[in-house]
């Protein structure tokens, strides 16, 4: 069996960033839930840093404890 791996550039256009994280829905989730922001080189050229994508994905794997309400012990 031959496995072909893709080499990803450091900066990804939104379409490529969506492919990298597994789809547009996943990219939207990372943007909304984890505050992922694009790097803007020019007004018409929006790109995402692959390291920021990796950091946001890693945050998905980190369990978070629900915050206790002030009246709970």
N, C-alpha and C. Protein backbone atom coordinates (compact mmCIF):
# COMPACT_ATOMS: atom_id res chain seq x y z
N UNK A 1 0.83 -1.16 0.00
CA UNK A 1 0.00 0.00 0.00
C UNK A 1 0.89 1.24 0.00
N UNK A 2 0.57 2.20 -0.84
CA UNK A 2 1.31 3.44 -0.92
C UNK A 2 0.49 4.55 -0.30
N UNK A 3 1.08 5.27 0.62
CA UNK A 3 0.40 6.40 1.24
C UNK A 3 1.06 7.67 0.73
N UNK A 4 0.25 8.54 0.17
CA UNK A 4 0.75 9.80 -0.35
C UNK A 4 0.42 10.88 0.67
N UNK A 5 1.43 11.60 1.09
CA UNK A 5 1.20 12.70 2.02
C UNK A 5 1.38 14.01 1.30
N UNK A 6 0.62 14.98 1.71
CA UNK A 6 0.69 16.29 1.10
C UNK A 6 1.55 17.21 1.95
N UNK A 7 2.37 17.99 1.30
CA UNK A 7 3.16 18.99 2.00
C UNK A 7 2.35 20.28 2.01
N UNK A 8 2.10 20.82 3.20
CA UNK A 8 1.28 22.02 3.35
C UNK A 8 2.16 23.24 3.50
N UNK A 9 1.82 24.35 2.83
CA UNK A 9 2.58 25.59 3.04
C UNK A 9 2.24 26.17 4.42
N UNK A 10 3.04 27.08 4.89
CA UNK A 10 2.83 27.68 6.22
C UNK A 10 1.54 28.50 6.25
N UNK A 11 1.26 29.27 5.19
CA UNK A 11 0.06 30.09 5.13
C UNK A 11 -0.92 29.48 4.14
N UNK A 12 -2.18 29.35 4.59
CA UNK A 12 -3.20 28.69 3.78
C UNK A 12 -4.36 29.63 3.51
N UNK A 13 -4.81 29.66 2.26
CA UNK A 13 -6.03 30.37 1.92
C UNK A 13 -7.20 29.66 2.60
N UNK A 14 -8.32 30.35 2.81
CA UNK A 14 -9.44 29.73 3.53
C UNK A 14 -9.87 28.37 2.99
N UNK A 15 -9.88 28.20 1.69
CA UNK A 15 -10.29 26.92 1.10
C UNK A 15 -9.30 25.81 1.49
N UNK A 16 -8.02 26.13 1.46
CA UNK A 16 -6.99 25.15 1.83
C UNK A 16 -7.00 24.89 3.33
N UNK A 17 -7.25 25.94 4.12
CA UNK A 17 -7.33 25.78 5.57
C UNK A 17 -8.49 24.84 5.92
N UNK A 18 -9.61 24.99 5.21
CA UNK A 18 -10.76 24.10 5.44
C UNK A 18 -10.39 22.66 5.09
N UNK A 19 -9.69 22.46 4.00
CA UNK A 19 -9.25 21.11 3.63
C UNK A 19 -8.31 20.54 4.71
N UNK A 20 -7.44 21.37 5.23
CA UNK A 20 -6.46 20.93 6.23
C UNK A 20 -7.13 20.44 7.52
N UNK A 21 -8.21 21.13 7.93
CA UNK A 21 -8.88 20.77 9.19
C UNK A 21 -10.05 19.82 8.97
N UNK A 22 -10.31 19.43 7.74
CA UNK A 22 -11.35 18.43 7.50
C UNK A 22 -12.67 18.97 7.01
N UNK A 23 -12.71 20.21 6.58
CA UNK A 23 -13.93 20.74 5.99
C UNK A 23 -14.28 22.13 6.51
N UNK A 24 -15.20 22.77 5.79
CA UNK A 24 -15.61 24.13 6.14
C UNK A 24 -16.26 24.20 7.51
N UNK A 25 -17.03 23.17 7.87
CA UNK A 25 -17.70 23.17 9.17
C UNK A 25 -16.67 23.15 10.31
N UNK A 26 -15.62 22.37 10.14
CA UNK A 26 -14.57 22.31 11.17
C UNK A 26 -13.83 23.64 11.28
N UNK A 27 -13.54 24.26 10.14
CA UNK A 27 -12.88 25.57 10.17
C UNK A 27 -13.78 26.59 10.85
N UNK A 28 -15.06 26.58 10.54
CA UNK A 28 -16.01 27.51 11.18
C UNK A 28 -16.04 27.30 12.69
N UNK A 29 -16.01 26.03 13.11
CA UNK A 29 -16.02 25.73 14.55
C UNK A 29 -14.76 26.28 15.22
N UNK A 30 -13.61 26.11 14.59
CA UNK A 30 -12.37 26.62 15.16
C UNK A 30 -12.38 28.14 15.24
N UNK A 31 -12.99 28.78 14.27
CA UNK A 31 -13.08 30.24 14.26
C UNK A 31 -14.00 30.71 15.39
N UNK A 32 -15.16 30.09 15.51
CA UNK A 32 -16.15 30.53 16.49
C UNK A 32 -15.80 30.11 17.92
N UNK A 33 -15.44 28.85 18.11
CA UNK A 33 -15.24 28.33 19.46
C UNK A 33 -13.86 28.61 20.04
N UNK A 34 -12.88 28.74 19.19
CA UNK A 34 -11.50 28.88 19.70
C UNK A 34 -10.84 30.18 19.29
N UNK A 35 -11.61 31.08 18.69
CA UNK A 35 -11.08 32.39 18.36
C UNK A 35 -10.01 32.41 17.29
N UNK A 36 -10.01 31.40 16.43
CA UNK A 36 -9.02 31.36 15.35
C UNK A 36 -9.22 32.57 14.45
N UNK A 37 -8.14 33.28 14.19
CA UNK A 37 -8.21 34.46 13.33
C UNK A 37 -7.23 34.32 12.18
N UNK A 38 -7.62 34.80 11.01
CA UNK A 38 -6.71 34.73 9.87
C UNK A 38 -5.62 35.79 9.98
N UNK A 39 -4.56 35.53 9.25
CA UNK A 39 -3.50 36.52 9.08
C UNK A 39 -3.85 37.23 7.78
N UNK A 40 -3.95 38.52 7.83
CA UNK A 40 -4.30 39.26 6.61
C UNK A 40 -3.06 39.96 6.08
N UNK A 41 -2.63 39.53 4.91
CA UNK A 41 -1.47 40.17 4.30
C UNK A 41 -1.90 41.42 3.53
N UNK A 42 -3.03 41.33 2.87
CA UNK A 42 -3.63 42.44 2.14
C UNK A 42 -5.13 42.32 2.33
N UNK A 43 -5.86 43.37 2.07
CA UNK A 43 -7.31 43.34 2.27
C UNK A 43 -7.97 42.22 1.48
N UNK A 44 -7.48 41.94 0.30
CA UNK A 44 -8.11 40.91 -0.55
C UNK A 44 -7.45 39.55 -0.43
N UNK A 45 -6.43 39.43 0.44
CA UNK A 45 -5.70 38.18 0.55
C UNK A 45 -5.71 37.70 1.99
N UNK A 46 -6.71 36.89 2.33
CA UNK A 46 -6.83 36.35 3.68
C UNK A 46 -6.20 34.97 3.73
N UNK A 47 -5.33 34.76 4.72
CA UNK A 47 -4.67 33.47 4.87
C UNK A 47 -4.64 33.10 6.35
N UNK A 48 -4.56 31.78 6.62
CA UNK A 48 -4.44 31.26 7.97
C UNK A 48 -3.05 30.65 8.14
N UNK A 49 -2.48 30.85 9.32
CA UNK A 49 -1.19 30.27 9.65
C UNK A 49 -1.44 28.82 10.09
N UNK A 50 -0.76 27.90 9.48
CA UNK A 50 -0.97 26.48 9.77
C UNK A 50 -0.67 26.16 11.25
N UNK A 51 0.24 26.92 11.85
CA UNK A 51 0.55 26.69 13.28
C UNK A 51 -0.63 27.09 14.16
N UNK A 52 -1.34 28.17 13.77
CA UNK A 52 -2.55 28.56 14.51
C UNK A 52 -3.63 27.50 14.37
N UNK A 53 -3.74 26.91 13.18
CA UNK A 53 -4.71 25.83 12.97
C UNK A 53 -4.37 24.64 13.87
N UNK A 54 -3.09 24.28 13.92
CA UNK A 54 -2.67 23.16 14.77
C UNK A 54 -2.95 23.44 16.25
N UNK A 55 -2.70 24.66 16.69
CA UNK A 55 -2.95 25.02 18.08
C UNK A 55 -4.44 24.92 18.41
N UNK A 56 -5.28 25.40 17.51
CA UNK A 56 -6.73 25.33 17.74
C UNK A 56 -7.20 23.87 17.75
N UNK A 57 -6.64 23.05 16.89
CA UNK A 57 -7.00 21.62 16.87
C UNK A 57 -6.56 20.96 18.17
N UNK A 58 -5.37 21.27 18.65
CA UNK A 58 -4.89 20.71 19.91
C UNK A 58 -5.80 21.12 21.07
N UNK A 59 -6.35 22.32 21.02
CA UNK A 59 -7.25 22.78 22.07
C UNK A 59 -8.53 21.94 22.11
N UNK A 60 -8.92 21.39 20.98
CA UNK A 60 -10.10 20.52 20.94
C UNK A 60 -9.86 19.24 21.74
N UNK A 61 -8.60 18.80 21.78
CA UNK A 61 -8.26 17.55 22.46
C UNK A 61 -8.08 17.73 23.96
N UNK A 62 -7.99 18.97 24.43
CA UNK A 62 -7.78 19.24 25.84
C UNK A 62 -9.14 19.33 26.53
N UNK A 63 -9.41 18.42 27.47
CA UNK A 63 -10.71 18.47 28.14
C UNK A 63 -10.81 19.71 29.03
N UNK A 64 -11.98 20.28 29.05
CA UNK A 64 -12.22 21.44 29.91
C UNK A 64 -13.24 21.06 30.97
N UNK A 65 -13.01 21.56 32.18
CA UNK A 65 -13.94 21.29 33.26
C UNK A 65 -15.02 22.37 33.24
N UNK A 66 -16.28 21.97 33.44
CA UNK A 66 -17.33 23.00 33.49
C UNK A 66 -17.12 23.90 34.71
N UNK A 67 -17.38 25.17 34.52
CA UNK A 67 -17.21 26.12 35.60
C UNK A 67 -18.36 25.94 36.60
N UNK A 68 -18.00 26.00 37.88
CA UNK A 68 -19.01 25.89 38.93
C UNK A 68 -19.69 27.25 39.11
N UNK A 69 -20.97 27.21 39.39
CA UNK A 69 -21.70 28.43 39.70
C UNK A 69 -21.32 28.87 41.11
N UNK A 70 -21.39 30.17 41.41
CA UNK A 70 -20.97 30.66 42.72
C UNK A 70 -21.67 29.98 43.90
N UNK A 71 -22.91 29.54 43.73
CA UNK A 71 -23.66 28.94 44.84
C UNK A 71 -23.41 27.45 44.99
N UNK A 72 -22.66 26.83 44.08
CA UNK A 72 -22.38 25.41 44.16
C UNK A 72 -21.12 25.15 44.97
N UNK A 73 -21.07 24.02 45.66
CA UNK A 73 -19.87 23.70 46.43
C UNK A 73 -19.12 22.56 45.81
